[in-house]
């Protein structure tokens, strides 16, 4: 696991704790064992601080609202679970029999929680700089595409300007679904623009709307490219 993390622990017990799910602890006769939930709590705070710092450094011109949306869509259950899979975190998790039987090693919720716990373990073991370096390394691929994320942040404005230029109907956004707990909700938004329909998902209504707007812009560009001049 340390080879996957590219970090060597001074206190191996912290890593062991980070990989110990509550379902495993509940089945053990040793009552002194602790699960990774407290580390998960701390890791969430460390992640948000580091990603916030990196976003501010990478995009000094963006306002707070855009930075918040970008961070929310980088530090969420789906994204963290994806990062956990890249380092094969599920293989090393200690789970109870029930979770093992229901493929708990590949559940987004368990993987994302364990990833946060590992971040906290690195922080407690090696201090903030080591935790910062670890998070920066793990999120490097996301920051390589962050410029694309930046370009999407004003998709709603660009779509509105486009339809106003052609004096068409304004886009309508409607939340059609909300999933997940209150602290980690995912919103699904449906966009209608004349006969055009798209949808977007995100940790906030605003980001879901931006995603739906970006898809609508892409469809309009495609339609423009494939429509003969005579038919315009």
Foldseek 3Di string as FASTA:
>chain_A
DCVLLVHDFPDVVLLVQLQEAPQLQVPDPPVVRHHLQVLLVVLLVLLLVLLLVVLCVVCVPDDPVLSVQVSQFCLALVNQLVLLVSSQSLVRHRHHPVCVVVVVSNDSVNSSSSSSSVLSSQCVGPNSVSSSVSSCVSCVVVVVCVVVSVVLLCLLVVLQVVCVVVVFDRKDKDWDDWDDDPVHIKTKIWIDGPPDIFIAIGSDSSVRVSRRSVVVVVVVVVCVVPDDPVVD
